[in-house]
């Protein structure tokens, strides 16, 4: 979430929405897949999510006691002004 930014133009206009992102993280923390699988219906929010996707490159490696080779997550990105 540290990579996500709420677009100031959307904030000023009171625009809210939600995108869904599919994320596959490999054991070493590298990202093998990240893509938006559900758009918000608003171009400002969708573009902010696309920019966030471009910035996400790596996560910490999995702990030794976690016996997964990769982790697949569907992550909602919620743009909410409340």
N, C-alpha and C. Protein backbone atom coordinates (compact mmCIF):
# COMPACT_ATOMS: atom_id res chain seq x y z
N UNK A 1 0.82 -1.19 0.00
CA UNK A 1 0.00 0.00 0.00
C UNK A 1 0.87 1.26 0.00
N UNK A 2 2.13 1.14 0.36
CA UNK A 2 2.98 2.33 0.38
C UNK A 2 3.19 2.90 -1.02
N UNK A 3 2.94 2.11 -2.05
CA UNK A 3 3.09 2.58 -3.42
C UNK A 3 1.83 3.26 -3.95
N UNK A 4 0.72 3.11 -3.26
CA UNK A 4 -0.55 3.65 -3.76
C UNK A 4 -0.68 5.14 -3.45
N UNK A 5 -1.16 5.89 -4.42
CA UNK A 5 -1.43 7.31 -4.22
C UNK A 5 -2.85 7.60 -4.69
N UNK A 6 -3.56 8.36 -3.90
CA UNK A 6 -4.92 8.77 -4.29
C UNK A 6 -4.75 9.99 -5.20
N UNK A 7 -5.21 9.92 -6.43
CA UNK A 7 -5.03 11.06 -7.35
C UNK A 7 -5.69 12.32 -6.80
N UNK A 8 -4.97 13.41 -6.77
CA UNK A 8 -5.50 14.65 -6.20
C UNK A 8 -6.73 15.13 -6.98
N UNK A 9 -6.75 14.96 -8.29
CA UNK A 9 -7.92 15.38 -9.08
C UNK A 9 -9.15 14.56 -8.69
N UNK A 10 -8.97 13.27 -8.44
CA UNK A 10 -10.09 12.43 -8.01
C UNK A 10 -10.54 12.83 -6.61
N UNK A 11 -9.59 13.13 -5.75
CA UNK A 11 -9.92 13.55 -4.38
C UNK A 11 -10.74 14.84 -4.40
N UNK A 12 -10.30 15.82 -5.20
CA UNK A 12 -11.01 17.10 -5.28
C UNK A 12 -12.45 16.93 -5.79
N UNK A 13 -12.61 15.98 -6.70
CA UNK A 13 -13.95 15.75 -7.29
C UNK A 13 -14.81 14.77 -6.48
N UNK A 14 -14.25 14.24 -5.40
CA UNK A 14 -15.01 13.32 -4.56
C UNK A 14 -15.19 11.94 -5.19
N UNK A 15 -14.28 11.55 -6.07
CA UNK A 15 -14.39 10.27 -6.77
C UNK A 15 -13.82 9.15 -5.91
N UNK A 16 -14.60 8.11 -5.74
CA UNK A 16 -14.17 6.92 -5.01
C UNK A 16 -14.32 5.71 -5.92
N UNK A 17 -13.65 4.63 -5.58
CA UNK A 17 -13.78 3.41 -6.38
C UNK A 17 -12.87 2.33 -5.86
N UNK A 18 -12.86 1.23 -6.61
CA UNK A 18 -12.07 0.07 -6.20
C UNK A 18 -11.55 -0.65 -7.44
N UNK A 19 -10.27 -0.98 -7.40
CA UNK A 19 -9.64 -1.82 -8.41
C UNK A 19 -9.26 -3.14 -7.75
N UNK A 20 -9.15 -4.19 -8.54
CA UNK A 20 -8.65 -5.47 -8.04
C UNK A 20 -7.38 -5.80 -8.80
N UNK A 21 -6.34 -6.17 -8.06
CA UNK A 21 -5.04 -6.48 -8.66
C UNK A 21 -4.69 -7.93 -8.34
N UNK A 22 -4.23 -8.66 -9.35
CA UNK A 22 -3.74 -10.02 -9.18
C UNK A 22 -2.23 -9.94 -9.04
N UNK A 23 -1.70 -10.60 -8.02
CA UNK A 23 -0.29 -10.50 -7.68
C UNK A 23 0.25 -11.89 -7.42
N UNK A 24 1.37 -12.24 -8.06
CA UNK A 24 2.05 -13.51 -7.79
C UNK A 24 3.45 -13.18 -7.30
N UNK A 25 3.75 -13.61 -6.09
CA UNK A 25 5.04 -13.34 -5.45
C UNK A 25 5.79 -14.67 -5.33
N UNK A 26 7.02 -14.69 -5.80
CA UNK A 26 7.86 -15.89 -5.74
C UNK A 26 8.55 -15.96 -4.37
N UNK A 27 9.04 -17.13 -4.05
CA UNK A 27 9.67 -17.39 -2.74
C UNK A 27 10.76 -16.37 -2.39
N UNK A 28 11.52 -15.93 -3.39
CA UNK A 28 12.61 -14.98 -3.14
C UNK A 28 12.14 -13.53 -3.01
N UNK A 29 10.82 -13.31 -3.14
CA UNK A 29 10.26 -11.97 -3.02
C UNK A 29 10.05 -11.26 -4.34
N UNK A 30 10.51 -11.86 -5.42
CA UNK A 30 10.32 -11.23 -6.73
C UNK A 30 8.86 -11.35 -7.16
N UNK A 31 8.42 -10.41 -7.95
CA UNK A 31 7.04 -10.39 -8.44
C UNK A 31 7.05 -10.96 -9.85
N UNK A 32 6.38 -12.11 -10.04
CA UNK A 32 6.36 -12.72 -11.37
C UNK A 32 5.14 -12.29 -12.17
N UNK A 33 4.11 -11.78 -11.49
CA UNK A 33 2.93 -11.29 -12.20
C UNK A 33 2.22 -10.26 -11.34
N UNK A 34 1.86 -9.16 -11.95
CA UNK A 34 1.00 -8.18 -11.29
C UNK A 34 0.20 -7.49 -12.39
N UNK A 35 -1.12 -7.56 -12.25
CA UNK A 35 -1.97 -6.92 -13.25
C UNK A 35 -3.32 -6.56 -12.64
N UNK A 36 -3.92 -5.53 -13.20
CA UNK A 36 -5.25 -5.12 -12.77
C UNK A 36 -6.26 -6.06 -13.42
N UNK A 37 -7.09 -6.71 -12.61
CA UNK A 37 -8.07 -7.64 -13.13
C UNK A 37 -9.49 -7.10 -13.04
N UNK A 38 -9.66 -5.98 -12.33
CA UNK A 38 -10.96 -5.32 -12.27
C UNK A 38 -10.75 -3.82 -12.20
N UNK A 39 -11.34 -3.10 -13.14
CA UNK A 39 -11.22 -1.65 -13.17
C UNK A 39 -12.27 -1.02 -12.27
N UNK A 40 -12.01 0.23 -11.89
CA UNK A 40 -12.92 0.96 -11.00
C UNK A 40 -14.07 1.61 -11.74
N UNK A 41 -13.89 1.82 -13.04
CA UNK A 41 -14.88 2.55 -13.80
C UNK A 41 -14.54 4.03 -13.91
N UNK A 42 -13.44 4.45 -13.28
CA UNK A 42 -12.99 5.83 -13.37
C UNK A 42 -11.55 5.85 -13.85
N UNK A 43 -11.28 6.58 -14.90
CA UNK A 43 -9.95 6.59 -15.51
C UNK A 43 -8.87 7.12 -14.56
N UNK A 44 -9.19 8.11 -13.73
CA UNK A 44 -8.20 8.65 -12.79
C UNK A 44 -7.73 7.58 -11.81
N UNK A 45 -8.68 6.84 -11.27
CA UNK A 45 -8.33 5.79 -10.30
C UNK A 45 -7.63 4.62 -10.99
N UNK A 46 -8.11 4.25 -12.17
CA UNK A 46 -7.48 3.16 -12.90
C UNK A 46 -6.03 3.50 -13.25
N UNK A 47 -5.79 4.72 -13.66
CA UNK A 47 -4.41 5.14 -14.01
C UNK A 47 -3.52 5.14 -12.76
N UNK A 48 -4.06 5.56 -11.61
CA UNK A 48 -3.28 5.54 -10.37
C UNK A 48 -2.88 4.10 -10.02
N UNK A 49 -3.79 3.17 -10.24
CA UNK A 49 -3.47 1.76 -9.98
C UNK A 49 -2.42 1.26 -10.97
N UNK A 50 -2.52 1.64 -12.23
CA UNK A 50 -1.52 1.25 -13.21
C UNK A 50 -0.14 1.78 -12.82
N UNK A 51 -0.07 3.01 -12.34
CA UNK A 51 1.21 3.59 -11.91
C UNK A 51 1.76 2.83 -10.71
N UNK A 52 0.89 2.45 -9.77
CA UNK A 52 1.33 1.68 -8.61
C UNK A 52 1.91 0.34 -9.06
N UNK A 53 1.25 -0.31 -10.01
CA UNK A 53 1.73 -1.59 -10.53
C UNK A 53 3.13 -1.44 -11.11
N UNK A 54 3.39 -0.34 -11.80
CA UNK A 54 4.71 -0.10 -12.38
C UNK A 54 5.79 0.05 -11.31
N UNK A 55 5.44 0.51 -10.11
CA UNK A 55 6.42 0.73 -9.04
C UNK A 55 6.71 -0.51 -8.22
N UNK A 56 5.79 -1.46 -8.18
CA UNK A 56 5.97 -2.66 -7.33
C UNK A 56 6.91 -3.62 -8.05
N UNK A 57 8.05 -3.87 -7.46
CA UNK A 57 9.04 -4.75 -8.08
C UNK A 57 9.39 -5.96 -7.20
N UNK A 58 9.34 -5.77 -5.89
CA UNK A 58 9.88 -6.81 -5.01
C UNK A 58 9.26 -6.72 -3.63
N UNK A 59 9.17 -7.88 -2.98
CA UNK A 59 8.73 -7.99 -1.60
C UNK A 59 9.83 -8.72 -0.82
N UNK A 60 9.76 -8.71 0.50
CA UNK A 60 10.74 -9.48 1.26
C UNK A 60 10.61 -10.97 0.94
N UNK A 61 11.72 -11.72 0.97
CA UNK A 61 11.63 -13.17 0.76
C UNK A 61 10.73 -13.83 1.81
N UNK A 62 10.20 -14.98 1.48
CA UNK A 62 9.37 -15.72 2.43
C UNK A 62 10.24 -16.20 3.59
N UNK A 63 9.67 -16.28 4.79
CA UNK A 63 10.41 -16.88 5.90
C UNK A 63 10.71 -18.35 5.62
N UNK A 64 11.77 -18.85 6.21
CA UNK A 64 12.18 -20.24 5.97
C UNK A 64 11.10 -21.25 6.34
N UNK A 65 10.29 -20.95 7.35
CA UNK A 65 9.27 -21.91 7.78
C UNK A 65 8.00 -21.88 6.92
N UNK A 66 7.93 -20.98 5.96
CA UNK A 66 6.81 -20.94 5.03
C UNK A 66 7.20 -21.76 3.80
N UNK A 67 6.54 -22.88 3.60
CA UNK A 67 6.96 -23.85 2.59
C UNK A 67 6.26 -23.65 1.24
N UNK A 68 6.00 -22.44 0.87
CA UNK A 68 5.40 -22.14 -0.43
C UNK A 68 6.47 -21.74 -1.43
N UNK A 69 6.27 -22.12 -2.68
CA UNK A 69 7.17 -21.67 -3.75
C UNK A 69 6.74 -20.31 -4.28
N UNK A 70 5.43 -20.05 -4.24
CA UNK A 70 4.88 -18.76 -4.69
C UNK A 70 3.55 -18.54 -3.99
N UNK A 71 3.16 -17.29 -3.95
CA UNK A 71 1.90 -16.90 -3.33
C UNK A 71 1.11 -16.07 -4.35
N UNK A 72 -0.14 -16.44 -4.55
CA UNK A 72 -1.01 -15.71 -5.46
C UNK A 72 -2.07 -14.98 -4.63
N UNK A 73 -2.18 -13.70 -4.85
CA UNK A 73 -3.11 -12.87 -4.08
C UNK A 73 -3.96 -12.04 -5.02
N UNK A 74 -5.20 -11.84 -4.65
CA UNK A 74 -6.08 -10.86 -5.29
C UNK A 74 -6.22 -9.73 -4.28
N UNK A 75 -5.71 -8.57 -4.64
CA UNK A 75 -5.62 -7.46 -3.70
C UNK A 75 -6.57 -6.34 -4.13
N UNK A 76 -7.54 -5.99 -3.28
CA UNK A 76 -8.40 -4.85 -3.62
C UNK A 76 -7.68 -3.55 -3.27
N UNK A 77 -7.74 -2.61 -4.18
CA UNK A 77 -7.23 -1.25 -3.92
C UNK A 77 -8.44 -0.35 -3.84
N UNK A 78 -8.72 0.09 -2.64
CA UNK A 78 -9.92 0.86 -2.38
C UNK A 78 -9.58 2.34 -2.25
N UNK A 79 -10.18 3.12 -3.08
CA UNK A 79 -10.03 4.57 -3.03
C UNK A 79 -11.26 5.12 -2.35
N UNK A 80 -11.11 5.47 -1.08
CA UNK A 80 -12.23 5.87 -0.24
C UNK A 80 -11.86 7.16 0.47
N UNK A 81 -12.70 8.15 0.39
CA UNK A 81 -12.41 9.46 0.99
C UNK A 81 -12.83 9.55 2.46
N UNK A 82 -13.51 8.56 2.97
CA UNK A 82 -13.92 8.62 4.39
C UNK A 82 -12.80 8.35 5.32
